[in-house]
């Protein structure tokens, strides 16, 4: 069990992203089944089309983004809930004027981020 303030956890740049950071709120060493991360994408920032080996459960905290999942385009904002199945291509683009922030929960299983060929 742990209690901590997210402001005391460092954010690290997302290597595939433009203006994107990740803060690991609950790591795979802390939670037995799921990890919780917070992603922040600056205005004008993005994360390119990619897949992951694990599913994503997401909750949008702030901002506005264009989210593409399996070719379907969605505009998501604060309060929206997103489910992305494992191995489904997805991308993010902040289309607002404030940071786009979301929580992302993933199962503690082997994962890999795989850029789609058009992004390599």
PDB file of N, CA and C in Angstrom:
ATOM      1  N   UNK A   1       0.854  -1.172   0.000  1.00  0.00           N
ATOM      2  CA  UNK A   1       0.000   0.000   0.000  1.00  0.00           C
ATOM      3  C   UNK A   1       0.899   1.234   0.000  1.00  0.00           C
ATOM      4  N   UNK A   2       0.472   2.250  -0.752  1.00  0.00           N
ATOM      5  CA  UNK A   2       1.227   3.505  -0.735  1.00  0.00           C
ATOM      6  C   UNK A   2       0.299   4.673  -1.018  1.00  0.00           C
ATOM      7  N   UNK A   3       0.676   5.818  -0.492  1.00  0.00           N
ATOM      8  CA  UNK A   3      -0.010   7.072  -0.767  1.00  0.00           C
ATOM      9  C   UNK A   3       1.076   8.076  -1.099  1.00  0.00           C
ATOM     10  N   UNK A   4       0.931   8.758  -2.209  1.00  0.00           N
ATOM     11  CA  UNK A   4       1.917   9.757  -2.609  1.00  0.00           C
ATOM     12  C   UNK A   4       1.231  10.832  -3.424  1.00  0.00           C
ATOM     13  N   UNK A   5       1.880  11.951  -3.579  1.00  0.00           N
ATOM     14  CA  UNK A   5       1.334  13.044  -4.370  1.00  0.00           C
ATOM     15  C   UNK A   5       1.968  13.022  -5.752  1.00  0.00           C
ATOM     16  N   UNK A   6       1.141  13.052  -6.776  1.00  0.00           N
ATOM     17  CA  UNK A   6       1.652  12.947  -8.150  1.00  0.00           C
ATOM     18  C   UNK A   6       2.596  14.087  -8.518  1.00  0.00           C
ATOM     19  N   UNK A   7       2.476  15.219  -7.839  1.00  0.00           N
ATOM     20  CA  UNK A   7       3.375  16.346  -8.135  1.00  0.00           C
ATOM     21  C   UNK A   7       4.812  16.052  -7.726  1.00  0.00           C
ATOM     22  N   UNK A   8       5.008  15.044  -6.877  1.00  0.00           N
ATOM     23  CA  UNK A   8       6.348  14.670  -6.427  1.00  0.00           C
ATOM     24  C   UNK A   8       6.974  13.558  -7.265  1.00  0.00           C
ATOM     25  N   UNK A   9       6.287  13.128  -8.317  1.00  0.00           N
ATOM     26  CA  UNK A   9       6.793  12.057  -9.178  1.00  0.00           C
ATOM     27  C   UNK A   9       7.269  12.687 -10.482  1.00  0.00           C
ATOM     28  N   UNK A  10       8.498  12.431 -10.874  1.00  0.00           N
ATOM     29  CA  UNK A  10       9.011  13.071 -12.093  1.00  0.00           C
ATOM     30  C   UNK A  10       8.349  12.548 -13.364  1.00  0.00           C
ATOM     31  N   UNK A  11       8.150  13.468 -14.300  1.00  0.00           N
ATOM     32  CA  UNK A  11       7.662  13.117 -15.637  1.00  0.00           C
ATOM     33  C   UNK A  11       8.884  12.921 -16.530  1.00  0.00           C
ATOM     34  N   UNK A  12       8.801  11.944 -17.422  1.00  0.00           N
ATOM     35  CA  UNK A  12       9.904  11.693 -18.355  1.00  0.00           C
ATOM     36  C   UNK A  12       9.378  11.825 -19.787  1.00  0.00           C
ATOM     37  N   UNK A  13      10.211  12.306 -20.699  1.00  0.00           N
ATOM     38  CA  UNK A  13       9.769  12.429 -22.091  1.00  0.00           C
ATOM     39  C   UNK A  13       9.406  11.069 -22.686  1.00  0.00           C
ATOM     40  N   UNK A  14       8.382  11.059 -23.525  1.00  0.00           N
ATOM     41  CA  UNK A  14       8.001   9.857 -24.266  1.00  0.00           C
ATOM     42  C   UNK A  14       8.824   9.874 -25.548  1.00  0.00           C
ATOM     43  N   UNK A  15       9.667   8.878 -25.732  1.00  0.00           N
ATOM     44  CA  UNK A  15      10.631   8.896 -26.832  1.00  0.00           C
ATOM     45  C   UNK A  15       9.978   8.966 -28.215  1.00  0.00           C
ATOM     46  N   UNK A  16       8.825   8.371 -28.388  1.00  0.00           N
ATOM     47  CA  UNK A  16       8.175   8.409 -29.704  1.00  0.00           C
ATOM     48  C   UNK A  16       7.315   9.653 -29.900  1.00  0.00           C
ATOM     49  N   UNK A  17       7.109  10.412 -28.822  1.00  0.00           N
ATOM     50  CA  UNK A  17       6.181  11.540 -28.880  1.00  0.00           C
ATOM     51  C   UNK A  17       6.842  12.867 -29.178  1.00  0.00           C
ATOM     52  N   UNK A  18       5.998  13.829 -29.523  1.00  0.00           N
ATOM     53  CA  UNK A  18       6.408  15.223 -29.696  1.00  0.00           C
ATOM     54  C   UNK A  18       5.700  16.011 -28.594  1.00  0.00           C
ATOM     55  N   UNK A  19       6.469  16.570 -27.647  1.00  0.00           N
ATOM     56  CA  UNK A  19       5.871  17.322 -26.548  1.00  0.00           C
ATOM     57  C   UNK A  19       5.085  16.468 -25.585  1.00  0.00           C
ATOM     58  N   UNK A  20       5.472  15.191 -25.453  1.00  0.00           N
ATOM     59  CA  UNK A  20       4.729  14.251 -24.606  1.00  0.00           C
ATOM     60  C   UNK A  20       5.603  13.750 -23.459  1.00  0.00           C
ATOM     61  N   UNK A  21       4.992  13.643 -22.271  1.00  0.00           N
ATOM     62  CA  UNK A  21       5.676  13.090 -21.114  1.00  0.00           C
ATOM     63  C   UNK A  21       4.811  12.015 -20.459  1.00  0.00           C
ATOM     64  N   UNK A  22       5.495  11.159 -19.674  1.00  0.00           N
ATOM     65  CA  UNK A  22       4.812  10.089 -18.937  1.00  0.00           C
ATOM     66  C   UNK A  22       5.266  10.154 -17.486  1.00  0.00           C
ATOM     67  N   UNK A  23       4.303  10.063 -16.570  1.00  0.00           N
ATOM     68  CA  UNK A  23       4.569   9.988 -15.144  1.00  0.00           C
ATOM     69  C   UNK A  23       4.022   8.654 -14.651  1.00  0.00           C
ATOM     70  N   UNK A  24       4.881   7.801 -14.112  1.00  0.00           N
ATOM     71  CA  UNK A  24       4.434   6.502 -13.606  1.00  0.00           C
ATOM     72  C   UNK A  24       3.936   6.705 -12.182  1.00  0.00           C
ATOM     73  N   UNK A  25       2.624   6.673 -12.015  1.00  0.00           N
ATOM     74  CA  UNK A  25       1.993   6.912 -10.716  1.00  0.00           C
ATOM     75  C   UNK A  25       2.032   5.669  -9.832  1.00  0.00           C
ATOM     76  N   UNK A  26       1.713   4.526 -10.414  1.00  0.00           N
ATOM     77  CA  UNK A  26       1.818   3.234  -9.734  1.00  0.00           C
ATOM     78  C   UNK A  26       2.545   2.304 -10.688  1.00  0.00           C
ATOM     79  N   UNK A  27       3.730   1.868 -10.295  1.00  0.00           N
ATOM     80  CA  UNK A  27       4.548   1.044 -11.184  1.00  0.00           C
ATOM     81  C   UNK A  27       4.115  -0.419 -11.136  1.00  0.00           C
ATOM     82  N   UNK A  28       4.665  -1.201 -12.031  1.00  0.00           N
ATOM     83  CA  UNK A  28       4.371  -2.633 -12.032  1.00  0.00           C
ATOM     84  C   UNK A  28       4.983  -3.339 -10.822  1.00  0.00           C
ATOM     85  N   UNK A  29       5.913  -2.676 -10.125  1.00  0.00           N
ATOM     86  CA  UNK A  29       6.448  -3.245  -8.887  1.00  0.00           C
ATOM     87  C   UNK A  29       5.535  -2.941  -7.691  1.00  0.00           C
ATOM     88  N   UNK A  30       4.701  -1.908  -7.807  1.00  0.00           N
ATOM     89  CA  UNK A  30       3.809  -1.513  -6.704  1.00  0.00           C
ATOM     90  C   UNK A  30       2.449  -2.202  -6.784  1.00  0.00           C
ATOM     91  N   UNK A  31       1.883  -2.257  -7.973  1.00  0.00           N
ATOM     92  CA  UNK A  31       0.572  -2.874  -8.152  1.00  0.00           C
ATOM     93  C   UNK A  31       0.732  -4.273  -8.708  1.00  0.00           C
ATOM     94  N   UNK A  32       0.059  -5.262  -8.139  1.00  0.00           N
ATOM     95  CA  UNK A  32       0.248  -6.637  -8.596  1.00  0.00           C
ATOM     96  C   UNK A  32      -0.356  -6.930  -9.970  1.00  0.00           C
ATOM     97  N   UNK A  33      -1.364  -6.171 -10.377  1.00  0.00           N
ATOM     98  CA  UNK A  33      -2.055  -6.485 -11.628  1.00  0.00           C
ATOM     99  C   UNK A  33      -1.984  -5.394 -12.683  1.00  0.00           C
ATOM    100  N   UNK A  34      -1.979  -4.118 -12.264  1.00  0.00           N
ATOM    101  CA  UNK A  34      -2.012  -3.000 -13.207  1.00  0.00           C
ATOM    102  C   UNK A  34      -1.011  -1.930 -12.810  1.00  0.00           C
ATOM    103  N   UNK A  35      -0.507  -1.229 -13.818  1.00  0.00           N
ATOM    104  CA  UNK A  35       0.293  -0.021 -13.613  1.00  0.00           C
ATOM    105  C   UNK A  35      -0.576   1.166 -14.009  1.00  0.00           C
ATOM    106  N   UNK A  36      -0.371   2.303 -13.330  1.00  0.00           N
ATOM    107  CA  UNK A  36      -1.103   3.524 -13.643  1.00  0.00           C
ATOM    108  C   UNK A  36      -0.091   4.600 -14.033  1.00  0.00           C
ATOM    109  N   UNK A  37      -0.324   5.190 -15.202  1.00  0.00           N
ATOM    110  CA  UNK A  37       0.561   6.251 -15.672  1.00  0.00           C
ATOM    111  C   UNK A  37      -0.280   7.466 -16.045  1.00  0.00           C
ATOM    112  N   UNK A  38       0.326   8.647 -15.970  1.00  0.00           N
ATOM    113  CA  UNK A  38      -0.319   9.864 -16.460  1.00  0.00           C
ATOM    114  C   UNK A  38       0.506  10.373 -17.632  1.00  0.00           C
ATOM    115  N   UNK A  39      -0.158  10.571 -18.756  1.00  0.00           N
ATOM    116  CA  UNK A  39       0.490  11.134 -19.936  1.00  0.00           C
ATOM    117  C   UNK A  39       0.059  12.580 -20.097  1.00  0.00           C
ATOM    118  N   UNK A  40       0.978  13.415 -20.521  1.00  0.00           N
ATOM    119  CA  UNK A  40       0.700  14.817 -20.815  1.00  0.00           C
ATOM    120  C   UNK A  40       1.262  15.117 -22.195  1.00  0.00           C
ATOM    121  N   UNK A  41       0.424  15.702 -23.051  1.00  0.00           N
ATOM    122  CA  UNK A  41       0.859  16.106 -24.389  1.00  0.00           C
ATOM    123  C   UNK A  41       0.619  17.604 -24.496  1.00  0.00           C
ATOM    124  N   UNK A  42       1.688  18.354 -24.747  1.00  0.00           N
ATOM    125  CA  UNK A  42       1.623  19.810 -24.837  1.00  0.00           C
ATOM    126  C   UNK A  42       0.781  20.242 -26.037  1.00  0.00           C
ATOM    127  N   UNK A  43       0.240  21.468 -26.003  1.00  0.00           N
ATOM    128  CA  UNK A  43      -0.476  21.971 -27.176  1.00  0.00           C
ATOM    129  C   UNK A  43       0.410  21.847 -28.427  1.00  0.00           C
ATOM    130  N   UNK A  44      -0.166  21.309 -29.489  1.00  0.00           N
ATOM    131  CA  UNK A  44       0.577  21.075 -30.724  1.00  0.00           C
ATOM    132  C   UNK A  44       1.376  19.790 -30.714  1.00  0.00           C
ATOM    133  N   UNK A  45       1.412  19.093 -29.576  1.00  0.00           N
ATOM    134  CA  UNK A  45       2.163  17.846 -29.460  1.00  0.00           C
ATOM    135  C   UNK A  45       1.372  16.647 -29.933  1.00  0.00           C
ATOM    136  N   UNK A  46       2.063  15.511 -30.011  1.00  0.00           N
ATOM    137  CA  UNK A  46       1.410  14.309 -30.528  1.00  0.00           C
ATOM    138  C   UNK A  46       2.181  13.048 -30.141  1.00  0.00           C
ATOM    139  N   UNK A  47       1.526  11.919 -30.362  1.00  0.00           N
ATOM    140  CA  UNK A  47       2.163  10.606 -30.306  1.00  0.00           C
ATOM    141  C   UNK A  47       1.729   9.895 -31.579  1.00  0.00           C
ATOM    142  N   UNK A  48       2.687   9.386 -32.354  1.00  0.00           N
ATOM    143  CA  UNK A  48       2.370   8.833 -33.669  1.00  0.00           C
ATOM    144  C   UNK A  48       1.621   7.502 -33.596  1.00  0.00           C
ATOM    145  N   UNK A  49       1.143   7.075 -34.739  1.00  0.00           N
ATOM    146  CA  UNK A  49       0.426   5.805 -34.840  1.00  0.00           C
ATOM    147  C   UNK A  49       1.348   4.671 -34.380  1.00  0.00           C
ATOM    148  N   UNK A  50       0.848   3.885 -33.416  1.00  0.00           N
ATOM    149  CA  UNK A  50       1.621   2.779 -32.865  1.00  0.00           C
ATOM    150  C   UNK A  50       0.681   1.730 -32.286  1.00  0.00           C
ATOM    151  N   UNK A  51       1.248   0.596 -31.943  1.00  0.00           N
ATOM    152  CA  UNK A  51       0.501  -0.445 -31.245  1.00  0.00           C
ATOM    153  C   UNK A  51       1.250  -0.810 -29.971  1.00  0.00           C
ATOM    154  N   UNK A  52       0.536  -1.463 -29.072  1.00  0.00           N
ATOM    155  CA  UNK A  52       1.120  -2.013 -27.852  1.00  0.00           C
ATOM    156  C   UNK A  52       0.647  -3.447 -27.709  1.00  0.00           C
ATOM    157  N   UNK A  53       1.411  -4.242 -27.001  1.00  0.00           N
ATOM    158  CA  UNK A  53       1.051  -5.648 -26.811  1.00  0.00           C
ATOM    159  C   UNK A  53      -0.037  -5.843 -25.755  1.00  0.00           C
ATOM    160  N   UNK A  54      -0.324  -4.785 -24.986  1.00  0.00           N
ATOM    161  CA  UNK A  54      -1.339  -4.877 -23.927  1.00  0.00           C
ATOM    162  C   UNK A  54      -2.448  -3.850 -24.162  1.00  0.00           C
ATOM    163  N   UNK A  55      -3.602  -4.123 -23.588  1.00  0.00           N
ATOM    164  CA  UNK A  55      -4.729  -3.193 -23.655  1.00  0.00           C
ATOM    165  C   UNK A  55      -4.434  -1.934 -22.843  1.00  0.00           C
ATOM    166  N   UNK A  56      -5.185  -0.859 -23.136  1.00  0.00           N
ATOM    167  CA  UNK A  56      -5.084   0.400 -22.395  1.00  0.00           C
ATOM    168  C   UNK A  56      -6.482   0.796 -21.929  1.00  0.00           C
ATOM    169  N   UNK A  57      -6.600   1.147 -20.660  1.00  0.00           N
ATOM    170  CA  UNK A  57      -7.807   1.781 -20.144  1.00  0.00           C
ATOM    171  C   UNK A  57      -7.414   3.204 -19.793  1.00  0.00           C
ATOM    172  N   UNK A  58      -8.147   4.190 -20.333  1.00  0.00           N
ATOM    173  CA  UNK A  58      -7.728   5.584 -20.168  1.00  0.00           C
ATOM    174  C   UNK A  58      -8.887   6.458 -19.690  1.00  0.00           C
ATOM    175  N   UNK A  59      -8.511   7.486 -18.913  1.00  0.00           N
ATOM    176  CA  UNK A  59      -9.461   8.481 -18.433  1.00  0.00           C
ATOM    177  C   UNK A  59      -8.848   9.849 -18.702  1.00  0.00           C
ATOM    178  N   UNK A  60      -9.568  10.680 -19.471  1.00  0.00           N
ATOM    179  CA  UNK A  60      -9.047  11.994 -19.843  1.00  0.00           C
ATOM    180  C   UNK A  60      -9.286  12.977 -18.705  1.00  0.00           C
ATOM    181  N   UNK A  61      -8.194  13.604 -18.257  1.00  0.00           N
ATOM    182  CA  UNK A  61      -8.231  14.565 -17.159  1.00  0.00           C
ATOM    183  C   UNK A  61      -8.416  15.996 -17.630  1.00  0.00           C
ATOM    184  N   UNK A  62      -7.799  16.346 -18.764  1.00  0.00           N
ATOM    185  CA  UNK A  62      -7.730  17.747 -19.180  1.00  0.00           C
ATOM    186  C   UNK A  62      -7.451  17.838 -20.668  1.00  0.00           C
ATOM    187  N   UNK A  63      -7.953  18.901 -21.290  1.00  0.00           N
ATOM    188  CA  UNK A  63      -7.597  19.202 -22.672  1.00  0.00           C
ATOM    189  C   UNK A  63      -8.492  18.553 -23.712  1.00  0.00           C
ATOM    190  N   UNK A  64      -8.026  18.660 -24.952  1.00  0.00           N
ATOM    191  CA  UNK A  64      -8.763  18.182 -26.123  1.00  0.00           C
ATOM    192  C   UNK A  64      -7.770  17.548 -27.076  1.00  0.00           C
ATOM    193  N   UNK A  65      -8.085  16.353 -27.560  1.00  0.00           N
ATOM    194  CA  UNK A  65      -7.179  15.679 -28.483  1.00  0.00           C
ATOM    195  C   UNK A  65      -7.958  14.935 -29.552  1.00  0.00           C
ATOM    196  N   UNK A  66      -7.272  14.766 -30.671  1.00  0.00           N
ATOM    197  CA  UNK A  66      -7.767  13.887 -31.732  1.00  0.00           C
ATOM    198  C   UNK A  66      -7.093  12.545 -31.499  1.00  0.00           C
ATOM    199  N   UNK A  67      -7.903  11.546 -31.244  1.00  0.00           N
ATOM    200  CA  UNK A  67      -7.428  10.194 -30.980  1.00  0.00           C
ATOM    201  C   UNK A  67      -7.903   9.306 -32.116  1.00  0.00           C
ATOM    202  N   UNK A  68      -6.976   8.630 -32.752  1.00  0.00           N
ATOM    203  CA  UNK A  68      -7.321   7.700 -33.821  1.00  0.00           C
ATOM    204  C   UNK A  68      -7.089   6.294 -33.293  1.00  0.00           C
ATOM    205  N   UNK A  69      -8.138   5.468 -33.358  1.00  0.00           N
ATOM    206  CA  UNK A  69      -8.070   4.076 -32.923  1.00  0.00           C
ATOM    207  C   UNK A  69      -8.554   3.213 -34.075  1.00  0.00           C
ATOM    208  N   UNK A  70      -7.675   2.378 -34.599  1.00  0.00           N
ATOM    209  CA  UNK A  70      -8.027   1.466 -35.704  1.00  0.00           C
ATOM    210  C   UNK A  70      -8.669   2.221 -36.866  1.00  0.00           C
ATOM    211  N   UNK A  71      -8.136   3.407 -37.172  1.00  0.00           N
ATOM    212  CA  UNK A  71      -8.632   4.198 -38.292  1.00  0.00           C
ATOM    213  C   UNK A  71      -9.844   5.048 -37.984  1.00  0.00           C
ATOM    214  N   UNK A  72     -10.433   4.909 -36.818  1.00  0.00           N
ATOM    215  CA  UNK A  72     -11.603   5.700 -36.437  1.00  0.00           C
ATOM    216  C   UNK A  72     -11.157   6.917 -35.624  1.00  0.00           C
ATOM    217  N   UNK A  73     -11.608   8.106 -36.038  1.00  0.00           N
ATOM    218  CA  UNK A  73     -11.177   9.356 -35.415  1.00  0.00           C
ATOM    219  C   UNK A  73     -12.173   9.779 -34.337  1.00  0.00           C
ATOM    220  N   UNK A  74     -11.635  10.154 -33.173  1.00  0.00           N
ATOM    221  CA  UNK A  74     -12.452  10.619 -32.054  1.00  0.00           C
ATOM    222  C   UNK A  74     -11.851  11.907 -31.519  1.00  0.00           C
ATOM    223  N   UNK A  75     -12.687  12.845 -31.099  1.00  0.00           N
ATOM    224  CA  UNK A  75     -12.217  13.990 -30.332  1.00  0.00           C
ATOM    225  C   UNK A  75     -12.554  13.692 -28.884  1.00  0.00           C
ATOM    226  N   UNK A  76     -11.515  13.652 -28.035  1.00  0.00           N
ATOM    227  CA  UNK A  76     -11.721  13.307 -26.636  1.00  0.00           C
ATOM    228  C   UNK A  76     -11.322  14.481 -25.755  1.00  0.00           C
ATOM    229  N   UNK A  77     -12.034  14.590 -24.635  1.00  0.00           N
ATOM    230  CA  UNK A  77     -11.833  15.715 -23.709  1.00  0.00           C
ATOM    231  C   UNK A  77     -12.059  15.252 -22.282  1.00  0.00           C
ATOM    232  N   UNK A  78     -11.864  16.158 -21.345  1.00  0.00           N
ATOM    233  CA  UNK A  78     -12.002  15.876 -19.929  1.00  0.00           C
ATOM    234  C   UNK A  78     -13.274  15.087 -19.640  1.00  0.00           C
ATOM    235  N   UNK A  79     -13.121  14.005 -18.884  1.00  0.00           N
ATOM    236  CA  UNK A  79     -14.259  13.175 -18.511  1.00  0.00           C
ATOM    237  C   UNK A  79     -14.488  11.986 -19.419  1.00  0.00           C
ATOM    238  N   UNK A  80     -13.854  11.961 -20.595  1.00  0.00           N
ATOM    239  CA  UNK A  80     -14.043  10.834 -21.507  1.00  0.00           C
ATOM    240  C   UNK A  80     -13.241   9.622 -21.034  1.00  0.00           C
ATOM    241  N   UNK A  81     -13.783   8.450 -21.310  1.00  0.00           N
ATOM    242  CA  UNK A  81     -13.160   7.181 -20.984  1.00  0.00           C
ATOM    243  C   UNK A  81     -12.873   6.453 -22.294  1.00  0.00           C
ATOM    244  N   UNK A  82     -11.669   5.903 -22.412  1.00  0.00           N
ATOM    245  CA  UNK A  82     -11.222   5.272 -23.661  1.00  0.00           C
ATOM    246  C   UNK A  82     -10.713   3.867 -23.358  1.00  0.00           C
ATOM    247  N   UNK A  83     -11.090   2.917 -24.207  1.00  0.00           N
ATOM    248  CA  UNK A  83     -10.533   1.566 -24.138  1.00  0.00           C
ATOM    249  C   UNK A  83      -9.857   1.268 -25.477  1.00  0.00           C
ATOM    250  N   UNK A  84      -8.594   0.872 -25.423  1.00  0.00           N
ATOM    251  CA  UNK A  84      -7.850   0.509 -26.628  1.00  0.00           C
ATOM    252  C   UNK A  84      -7.401  -0.939 -26.455  1.00  0.00           C
ATOM    253  N   UNK A  85      -7.932  -1.860 -27.269  1.00  0.00           N
ATOM    254  CA  UNK A  85      -7.521  -3.263 -27.157  1.00  0.00           C
ATOM    255  C   UNK A  85      -6.041  -3.442 -27.502  1.00  0.00           C
ATOM    256  N   UNK A  86      -5.471  -4.526 -27.028  1.00  0.00           N
ATOM    257  CA  UNK A  86      -4.087  -4.862 -27.342  1.00  0.00           C
ATOM    258  C   UNK A  86      -3.897  -4.959 -28.861  1.00  0.00           C
ATOM    259  N   UNK A  87      -2.751  -4.494 -29.323  1.00  0.00           N
ATOM    260  CA  UNK A  87      -2.306  -4.607 -30.713  1.00  0.00           C
ATOM    261  C   UNK A  87      -3.155  -3.827 -31.711  1.00  0.00           C
ATOM    262  N   UNK A  88      -3.962  -2.874 -31.242  1.00  0.00           N
ATOM    263  CA  UNK A  88      -4.764  -2.037 -32.129  1.00  0.00           C
ATOM    264  C   UNK A  88      -4.022  -0.713 -32.351  1.00  0.00           C
ATOM    265  N   UNK A  89      -3.819  -0.302 -33.609  1.00  0.00           N
ATOM    266  CA  UNK A  89      -3.113   0.956 -33.882  1.00  0.00           C
ATOM    267  C   UNK A  89      -3.872   2.160 -33.332  1.00  0.00           C
ATOM    268  N   UNK A  90      -3.102   3.102 -32.738  1.00  0.00           N
ATOM    269  CA  UNK A  90      -3.704   4.314 -32.190  1.00  0.00           C
ATOM    270  C   UNK A  90      -2.677   5.442 -32.172  1.00  0.00           C
ATOM    271  N   UNK A  91      -3.197   6.683 -32.207  1.00  0.00           N
ATOM    272  CA  UNK A  91      -2.343   7.874 -32.158  1.00  0.00           C
ATOM    273  C   UNK A  91      -3.094   8.992 -31.450  1.00  0.00           C
ATOM    274  N   UNK A  92      -2.333  10.008 -31.016  1.00  0.00           N
ATOM    275  CA  UNK A  92      -2.892  11.149 -30.299  1.00  0.00           C
ATOM    276  C   UNK A  92      -2.342  12.436 -30.884  1.00  0.00           C
ATOM    277  N   UNK A  93      -3.187  13.457 -30.964  1.00  0.00           N
ATOM    278  CA  UNK A  93      -2.747  14.798 -31.364  1.00  0.00           C
ATOM    279  C   UNK A  93      -3.493  15.812 -30.506  1.00  0.00           C
ATOM    280  N   UNK A  94      -2.751  16.622 -29.763  1.00  0.00           N
ATOM    281  CA  UNK A  94      -3.378  17.659 -28.946  1.00  0.00           C
ATOM    282  C   UNK A  94      -3.859  18.750 -29.893  1.00  0.00           C
ATOM    283  N   UNK A  95      -5.167  18.955 -29.952  1.00  0.00           N
ATOM    284  CA  UNK A  95      -5.747  19.971 -30.844  1.00  0.00           C
ATOM    285  C   UNK A  95      -6.308  21.143 -30.045  1.00  0.00           C
ATOM    286  N   UNK A  96      -5.988  21.190 -28.760  1.00  0.00           N
ATOM    287  CA  UNK A  96      -6.447  22.272 -27.897  1.00  0.00           C
ATOM    288  C   UNK A  96      -5.323  23.245 -27.590  1.00  0.00           C
ATOM    289  N   UNK A  97      -5.634  24.200 -26.730  1.00  0.00           N
ATOM    290  CA  UNK A  97      -4.637  25.208 -26.362  1.00  0.00           C
ATOM    291  C   UNK A  97      -4.129  25.038 -24.935  1.00  0.00           C
ATOM    292  N   UNK A  98      -4.442  23.903 -24.319  1.00  0.00           N
ATOM    293  CA  UNK A  98      -3.929  23.558 -22.992  1.00  0.00           C
ATOM    294  C   UNK A  98      -3.368  22.138 -23.073  1.00  0.00           C
ATOM    295  N   UNK A  99      -2.555  21.731 -22.093  1.00  0.00           N
ATOM    296  CA  UNK A  99      -2.042  20.358 -22.122  1.00  0.00           C
ATOM    297  C   UNK A  99      -3.177  19.329 -22.123  1.00  0.00           C
ATOM    298  N   UNK A 100      -2.992  18.293 -22.912  1.00  0.00           N
ATOM    299  CA  UNK A 100      -3.908  17.152 -22.924  1.00  0.00           C
ATOM    300  C   UNK A 100      -3.330  16.139 -21.948  1.00  0.00           C
ATOM    301  N   UNK A 101      -4.117  15.783 -20.913  1.00  0.00           N
ATOM    302  CA  UNK A 101      -3.641  14.876 -19.881  1.00  0.00           C
ATOM    303  C   UNK A 101      -4.619  13.725 -19.706  1.00  0.00           C
ATOM    304  N   UNK A 102      -4.058  12.526 -19.562  1.00  0.00           N
ATOM    305  CA  UNK A 102      -4.927  11.372 -19.326  1.00  0.00           C
ATOM    306  C   UNK A 102      -4.217  10.330 -18.472  1.00  0.00           C
ATOM    307  N   UNK A 103      -5.025   9.620 -17.692  1.00  0.00           N
ATOM    308  CA  UNK A 103      -4.536   8.464 -16.961  1.00  0.00           C
ATOM    309  C   UNK A 103      -4.600   7.263 -17.881  1.00  0.00           C
ATOM    310  N   UNK A 104      -3.613   6.394 -17.788  1.00  0.00           N
ATOM    311  CA  UNK A 104      -3.580   5.186 -18.604  1.00  0.00           C
ATOM    312  C   UNK A 104      -3.233   4.011 -17.701  1.00  0.00           C
ATOM    313  N   UNK A 105      -4.132   3.053 -17.625  1.00  0.00           N
ATOM    314  CA  UNK A 105      -3.892   1.846 -16.839  1.00  0.00           C
ATOM    315  C   UNK A 105      -3.638   0.692 -17.786  1.00  0.00           C
ATOM    316  N   UNK A 106      -2.588  -0.071 -17.484  1.00  0.00           N
ATOM    317  CA  UNK A 106      -2.223  -1.210 -18.323  1.00  0.00           C
ATOM    318  C   UNK A 106      -1.946  -2.411 -17.428  1.00  0.00           C
ATOM    319  N   UNK A 107      -2.246  -3.617 -17.925  1.00  0.00           N
ATOM    320  CA  UNK A 107      -1.932  -4.804 -17.131  1.00  0.00           C
ATOM    321  C   UNK A 107      -0.417  -5.001 -17.043  1.00  0.00           C
ATOM    322  N   UNK A 108       0.016  -5.604 -15.959  1.00  0.00           N
ATOM    323  CA  UNK A 108       1.438  -5.892 -15.764  1.00  0.00           C
ATOM    324  C   UNK A 108       1.812  -7.157 -16.528  1.00  0.00           C
ATOM    325  N   UNK A 109       1.918  -7.005 -17.822  1.00  0.00           N
ATOM    326  CA  UNK A 109       2.321  -8.083 -18.725  1.00  0.00           C
ATOM    327  C   UNK A 109       3.410  -7.518 -19.630  1.00  0.00           C
ATOM    328  N   UNK A 110       4.169  -8.371 -20.281  1.00  0.00           N
ATOM    329  CA  UNK A 110       5.177  -7.854 -21.212  1.00  0.00           C
ATOM    330  C   UNK A 110       4.530  -6.952 -22.260  1.00  0.00           C
ATOM    331  N   UNK A 111       5.142  -5.804 -22.494  1.00  0.00           N
ATOM    332  CA  UNK A 111       4.603  -4.838 -23.452  1.00  0.00           C
ATOM    333  C   UNK A 111       5.726  -4.322 -24.333  1.00  0.00           C
ATOM    334  N   UNK A 112       5.337  -3.827 -25.473  1.00  0.00           N
ATOM    335  CA  UNK A 112       6.262  -3.199 -26.403  1.00  0.00           C
ATOM    336  C   UNK A 112       5.473  -2.182 -27.207  1.00  0.00           C
ATOM    337  N   UNK A 113       6.050  -1.003 -27.403  1.00  0.00           N
ATOM    338  CA  UNK A 113       5.450   0.003 -28.264  1.00  0.00           C
ATOM    339  C   UNK A 113       6.049  -0.170 -29.649  1.00  0.00           C
ATOM    340  N   UNK A 114       5.188  -0.390 -30.629  1.00  0.00           N
ATOM    341  CA  UNK A 114       5.641  -0.664 -31.993  1.00  0.00           C
ATOM    342  C   UNK A 114       5.113   0.423 -32.913  1.00  0.00           C
ATOM    343  N   UNK A 115       6.024   1.219 -33.456  1.00  0.00           N
ATOM    344  CA  UNK A 115       5.622   2.260 -34.415  1.00  0.00           C
ATOM    345  C   UNK A 115       5.121   1.614 -35.689  1.00  0.00           C
ATOM    346  N   UNK A 116       4.069   2.203 -36.254  1.00  0.00           N
ATOM    347  CA  UNK A 116       3.564   1.715 -37.533  1.00  0.00           C
ATOM    348  C   UNK A 116       4.552   2.153 -38.631  1.00  0.00           C
ATOM    349  N   UNK A 117       4.654   1.411 -39.723  1.00  0.00           N
ATOM    350  CA  UNK A 117       5.673   1.670 -40.751  1.00  0.00           C
ATOM    351  C   UNK A 117       5.727   3.126 -41.241  1.00  0.00           C
ATOM    352  N   UNK A 118       4.592   3.804 -41.334  1.00  0.00           N
ATOM    353  CA  UNK A 118       4.582   5.185 -41.832  1.00  0.00           C
ATOM    354  C   UNK A 118       5.275   6.151 -40.880  1.00  0.00           C
ATOM    355  N   UNK A 119       5.565   5.722 -39.630  1.00  0.00           N
ATOM    356  CA  UNK A 119       6.204   6.583 -38.640  1.00  0.00           C
ATOM    357  C   UNK A 119       7.679   6.263 -38.420  1.00  0.00           C
ATOM    358  N   UNK A 120       8.196   5.240 -39.070  1.00  0.00           N
ATOM    359  CA  UNK A 120       9.590   4.840 -38.832  1.00  0.00           C
ATOM    360  C   UNK A 120      10.546   5.666 -39.655  1.00  0.00           C
TER     361      UNK A 120
END
